[in-house]
Amino acid sequence: MSDRRLPLVEHLAELRRRLIICLASIFIFALLSYFYAQKILALLMKAVGKLVFIAPQEAFIAYLKIALFAGLFLSLPVILYQIWQFVSAGLLPKERKYLLVYGPLSFFLFLIGATFSYQVVLPLGLKFLIDRYSTATLQPMISISKYISFVGMFLLAFGVVFELPLIVLFLVKIGLVSPQSLRRRRREVIVLTFILAAVMTPPDIFTQFLLAVPILLLYEISLWTAVLVHKKRTGI
């Protein structure tokens, strides 16, 4: 009995060690980022120009949020490496080779998604939300804490969404899904996409569409990529 339990205990201990390394990395990078929070905030404010804080502690909390988000972004290579170290021992050589290639690609796709959100989607979303509802009697006064949460979740959401083609490609490569199953699930994907967009973005329809539409486009790209990979893999 003890011989069967030992690998599980070691597995959990290894998982705990990897999690501690990831958390330590986030903490260290967040601590360093705090000293640059004002410069980071200046970059994030380009889309709105001016922010306010309506509570004495709000600006301090906003700076902590900036540091935490920055720490998480900067720790992504460390987190991905720890995931690789944890799962690679249990993979077949072919699966290990795929993951070794897809790991760095996933990091770059995340950066592309976050950058696309920051450069394109976020300014459009803010312009629509502010201009559409601003009137002579209703003027925007955006809280710094709310704004940082809004932007941080937006960047994270798009970074994660841009991983979709790579995830689908990996699953097709190892034979867990097929293009046929992806086609059959298209309707369910549309429904789940809008549910996911509602959860991951602020509660307004426009920003939900800003996230949902790229997800659906990426799903279609993933589907056609899966068709090509499946043909190459099966020779059909």
Protein backbone atom coordinates (compact mmCIF):
# COMPACT_ATOMS: atom_id res chain seq x y z
CA MET A 1 0.00 0.00 0.00
CA SER A 2 2.75 2.44 0.97
CA ASP A 3 4.55 1.71 -2.32
CA ARG A 4 1.48 2.88 -4.24
CA ARG A 5 1.02 5.97 -2.09
CA LEU A 6 4.59 7.20 -2.32
CA PRO A 7 4.47 8.30 -5.99
CA LEU A 8 1.27 10.26 -5.30
CA VAL A 9 2.85 11.96 -2.27
CA GLU A 10 5.92 12.83 -4.32
CA HIS A 11 3.71 14.07 -7.15
CA LEU A 12 1.80 16.39 -4.81
CA ALA A 13 5.03 17.60 -3.21
CA GLU A 14 6.41 18.40 -6.67
CA LEU A 15 3.20 20.25 -7.58
CA ARG A 16 3.44 22.24 -4.35
CA ARG A 17 7.06 23.15 -5.09
CA ARG A 18 6.20 24.33 -8.61
CA LEU A 19 3.29 26.42 -7.32
CA ILE A 20 5.53 28.06 -4.72
CA ILE A 21 8.06 28.96 -7.43
CA CYS A 22 5.30 30.49 -9.57
CA LEU A 23 3.88 32.49 -6.66
CA ALA A 24 7.35 33.64 -5.63
CA SER A 25 8.02 34.80 -9.18
CA ILE A 26 4.76 36.75 -9.30
CA PHE A 27 5.53 38.32 -5.92
CA ILE A 28 9.07 39.36 -6.89
CA PHE A 29 8.04 40.80 -10.26
CA ALA A 30 5.04 42.53 -8.68
CA LEU A 31 7.31 44.08 -6.04
CA LEU A 32 9.69 45.36 -8.71
CA SER A 33 6.80 46.56 -10.88
CA TYR A 34 5.37 48.62 -8.02
CA PHE A 35 8.27 51.06 -8.37
CA TYR A 36 7.32 51.54 -12.04
CA ALA A 37 3.56 51.62 -11.45
CA GLN A 38 3.29 55.31 -12.31
CA LYS A 39 4.98 54.81 -15.69
CA ILE A 40 2.83 51.76 -16.41
CA LEU A 41 -0.26 53.75 -15.47
CA ALA A 42 0.74 56.51 -17.89
CA LEU A 43 0.80 53.95 -20.71
CA LEU A 44 -2.56 52.50 -19.72
CA MET A 45 -4.17 55.95 -19.48
CA LYS A 46 -3.53 56.85 -23.12
CA ALA A 47 -7.01 55.71 -24.09
CA VAL A 48 -8.79 57.89 -21.51
CA GLY A 49 -6.43 60.76 -20.71
CA LYS A 50 -7.53 61.38 -17.14
CA LEU A 51 -8.59 59.32 -14.13
CA VAL A 52 -9.80 60.14 -10.63
CA PHE A 53 -9.75 58.45 -7.25
CA ILE A 54 -12.76 58.83 -4.98
CA ALA A 55 -11.40 57.31 -1.78
CA PRO A 56 -8.15 58.13 0.08
CA GLN A 57 -6.75 54.62 -0.36
CA GLU A 58 -7.97 54.04 -3.91
CA ALA A 59 -4.85 55.26 -5.74
CA PHE A 60 -2.64 53.08 -3.51
CA ILE A 61 -4.84 50.03 -4.19
CA ALA A 62 -4.77 50.81 -7.91
CA TYR A 63 -0.97 50.86 -7.85
CA LEU A 64 -1.01 47.48 -6.12
CA LYS A 65 -3.30 46.15 -8.85
CA ILE A 66 -0.95 47.46 -11.53
CA ALA A 67 1.99 45.78 -9.81
CA LEU A 68 0.08 42.49 -9.49
CA PHE A 69 -1.01 42.44 -13.14
CA ALA A 70 2.52 43.35 -14.25
CA GLY A 71 3.97 40.66 -12.00
CA LEU A 72 1.62 38.10 -13.52
CA PHE A 73 2.49 39.12 -17.09
CA LEU A 74 6.23 39.13 -16.43
CA SER A 75 6.04 35.76 -14.67
CA LEU A 76 4.44 34.00 -17.63
CA PRO A 77 7.73 32.51 -18.91
CA VAL A 78 8.46 31.18 -15.41
CA ILE A 79 4.93 29.79 -15.05
CA LEU A 80 5.05 28.10 -18.46
CA TYR A 81 8.46 26.61 -17.66
CA GLN A 82 7.21 25.23 -14.34
CA ILE A 83 4.19 23.71 -16.07
CA TRP A 84 6.53 22.12 -18.60
CA GLN A 85 8.77 20.71 -15.86
CA PHE A 86 5.78 19.29 -14.00
CA VAL A 87 3.97 17.59 -16.89
CA SER A 88 6.86 16.56 -19.14
CA ALA A 89 7.86 13.59 -16.98
CA GLY A 90 4.49 11.94 -17.60
CA LEU A 91 4.40 12.52 -21.36
CA LEU A 92 5.41 10.30 -24.23
CA PRO A 93 8.43 11.47 -26.25
CA LYS A 94 6.16 12.64 -29.11
CA GLU A 95 3.92 14.59 -26.72
CA ARG A 96 6.96 16.06 -24.99
CA LYS A 97 8.29 17.27 -28.34
CA TYR A 98 4.97 18.95 -29.16
CA LEU A 99 4.80 20.66 -25.78
CA LEU A 100 8.39 21.85 -26.05
CA VAL A 101 7.48 23.63 -29.29
CA TYR A 102 4.06 24.85 -28.20
CA GLY A 103 5.23 26.27 -24.86
CA PRO A 104 7.17 29.23 -26.30
CA LEU A 105 4.51 29.69 -28.99
CA SER A 106 1.81 29.96 -26.34
CA PHE A 107 3.75 32.75 -24.63
CA PHE A 108 4.07 34.71 -27.88
CA LEU A 109 0.39 34.17 -28.74
CA PHE A 110 -0.54 35.48 -25.31
CA LEU A 111 1.56 38.59 -25.94
CA ILE A 112 -0.03 39.05 -29.37
CA GLY A 113 -3.52 38.78 -27.86
CA ALA A 114 -2.77 41.23 -25.07
CA THR A 115 -1.09 43.66 -27.49
CA PHE A 116 -4.00 43.44 -29.94
CA SER A 117 -6.38 44.17 -27.08
CA TYR A 118 -4.33 47.15 -25.89
CA GLN A 119 -3.69 48.67 -29.32
CA VAL A 120 -7.00 47.99 -31.08
CA VAL A 121 -9.88 46.60 -29.06
CA LEU A 122 -9.47 48.54 -25.82
CA PRO A 123 -9.38 52.03 -27.44
CA LEU A 124 -12.40 51.16 -29.60
CA GLY A 125 -14.31 49.79 -26.64
CA LEU A 126 -13.55 52.77 -24.42
CA LYS A 127 -14.36 55.26 -27.18
CA PHE A 128 -17.72 53.61 -27.78
CA LEU A 129 -18.63 53.32 -24.11
CA ILE A 130 -17.58 56.88 -23.24
CA ASP A 131 -18.78 58.71 -26.36
CA ARG A 132 -22.02 56.75 -26.68
CA TYR A 133 -23.25 57.53 -23.18
CA SER A 134 -21.72 60.96 -22.52
CA THR A 135 -24.17 63.87 -22.62
CA ALA A 136 -24.26 67.48 -21.47
CA THR A 137 -25.60 66.29 -18.12
CA LEU A 138 -23.78 62.94 -17.94
CA GLN A 139 -19.99 63.26 -17.99
CA PRO A 140 -17.48 60.43 -17.50
CA MET A 141 -15.41 60.45 -14.33
CA ILE A 142 -13.50 57.19 -14.41
CA SER A 143 -12.18 55.74 -11.16
CA ILE A 144 -8.55 54.62 -11.32
CA SER A 145 -9.23 51.38 -9.44
CA LYS A 146 -12.16 50.40 -11.67
CA TYR A 147 -10.18 51.31 -14.78
CA ILE A 148 -7.15 49.20 -13.84
CA SER A 149 -9.40 46.21 -13.13
CA PHE A 150 -11.18 46.75 -16.46
CA VAL A 151 -7.95 46.98 -18.47
CA GLY A 152 -6.20 44.15 -16.62
CA MET A 153 -9.05 41.69 -17.16
CA PHE A 154 -9.37 42.81 -20.79
CA LEU A 155 -5.69 42.15 -21.53
CA LEU A 156 -5.71 38.81 -19.71
CA ALA A 157 -8.90 37.72 -21.48
CA PHE A 158 -7.53 38.44 -24.94
CA GLY A 159 -4.19 36.86 -24.09
CA VAL A 160 -5.95 33.64 -23.08
CA VAL A 161 -8.30 33.72 -26.09
CA PHE A 162 -5.41 33.90 -28.55
CA GLU A 163 -4.18 30.54 -27.20
CA LEU A 164 -7.20 28.81 -28.77
CA PRO A 165 -5.64 27.85 -32.14
CA LEU A 166 -2.60 26.39 -30.41
CA ILE A 167 -4.72 24.38 -27.96
CA VAL A 168 -6.86 22.97 -30.78
CA LEU A 169 -3.77 22.19 -32.85
CA PHE A 170 -2.18 20.31 -29.95
CA LEU A 171 -5.36 18.29 -29.29
CA VAL A 172 -5.65 17.37 -32.97
CA LYS A 173 -1.95 16.44 -33.11
CA ILE A 174 -2.30 13.95 -30.26
CA GLY A 175 -5.63 12.65 -31.60
CA LEU A 176 -7.97 13.79 -28.82
CA VAL A 177 -10.21 15.81 -31.15
CA SER A 178 -10.97 15.79 -34.86
CA PRO A 179 -12.16 18.45 -37.33
CA GLN A 180 -15.49 16.63 -37.54
CA SER A 181 -16.09 16.99 -33.80
CA LEU A 182 -15.16 20.68 -33.99
CA ARG A 183 -17.71 21.21 -36.77
CA ARG A 184 -20.43 19.38 -34.84
CA ARG A 185 -19.84 21.53 -31.77
CA ARG A 186 -19.94 24.88 -33.60
CA ARG A 187 -23.36 25.92 -32.20
CA GLU A 188 -22.39 24.99 -28.66
CA VAL A 189 -19.15 26.93 -29.07
CA ILE A 190 -21.06 30.07 -30.10
CA VAL A 191 -23.27 29.86 -27.02
CA LEU A 192 -20.35 29.10 -24.68
CA THR A 193 -18.32 31.91 -26.25
CA PHE A 194 -20.88 34.54 -25.34
CA ILE A 195 -21.24 33.07 -21.85
CA LEU A 196 -17.45 33.18 -21.46
CA ALA A 197 -17.32 36.73 -22.80
CA ALA A 198 -19.99 37.77 -20.31
CA VAL A 199 -17.94 36.32 -17.45
CA MET A 200 -14.52 37.63 -18.56
CA THR A 201 -15.51 41.19 -19.51
CA PRO A 202 -17.38 44.03 -17.80
CA PRO A 203 -21.19 43.68 -17.86
CA ASP A 204 -22.06 45.47 -21.09
CA ILE A 205 -22.98 43.96 -24.44
CA PHE A 206 -20.47 45.91 -26.54
CA THR A 207 -17.36 44.72 -24.69
CA GLN A 208 -18.77 41.20 -24.67
CA PHE A 209 -19.01 41.36 -28.47
CA LEU A 210 -15.46 42.74 -28.65
CA LEU A 211 -14.23 39.56 -26.97
CA ALA A 212 -16.73 37.09 -28.46
CA VAL A 213 -16.14 37.97 -32.12
CA PRO A 214 -12.34 37.36 -32.01
CA ILE A 215 -12.97 34.08 -30.15
CA LEU A 216 -15.30 32.89 -32.91
CA LEU A 217 -12.86 34.00 -35.62
CA LEU A 218 -10.03 32.19 -33.85
CA TYR A 219 -12.24 29.11 -33.55
CA GLU A 220 -12.81 29.11 -37.31
CA ILE A 221 -9.07 29.54 -37.89
CA SER A 222 -8.47 26.67 -35.48
CA LEU A 223 -11.01 24.52 -37.33
CA TRP A 224 -9.37 24.98 -40.72
CA THR A 225 -5.92 24.50 -39.21
CA ALA A 226 -7.20 21.28 -37.65
CA VAL A 227 -8.43 20.09 -41.05
CA LEU A 228 -4.97 20.57 -42.56
CA VAL A 229 -3.20 18.93 -39.62
CA HIS A 230 -5.66 16.02 -39.59
CA LYS A 231 -5.14 15.40 -43.31
CA LYS A 232 -1.38 15.39 -42.83
CA ARG A 233 -1.63 13.14 -39.78
CA THR A 234 -4.01 10.56 -41.30
CA GLY A 235 -3.11 10.92 -44.97
CA ILE A 236 -6.81 11.40 -45.81
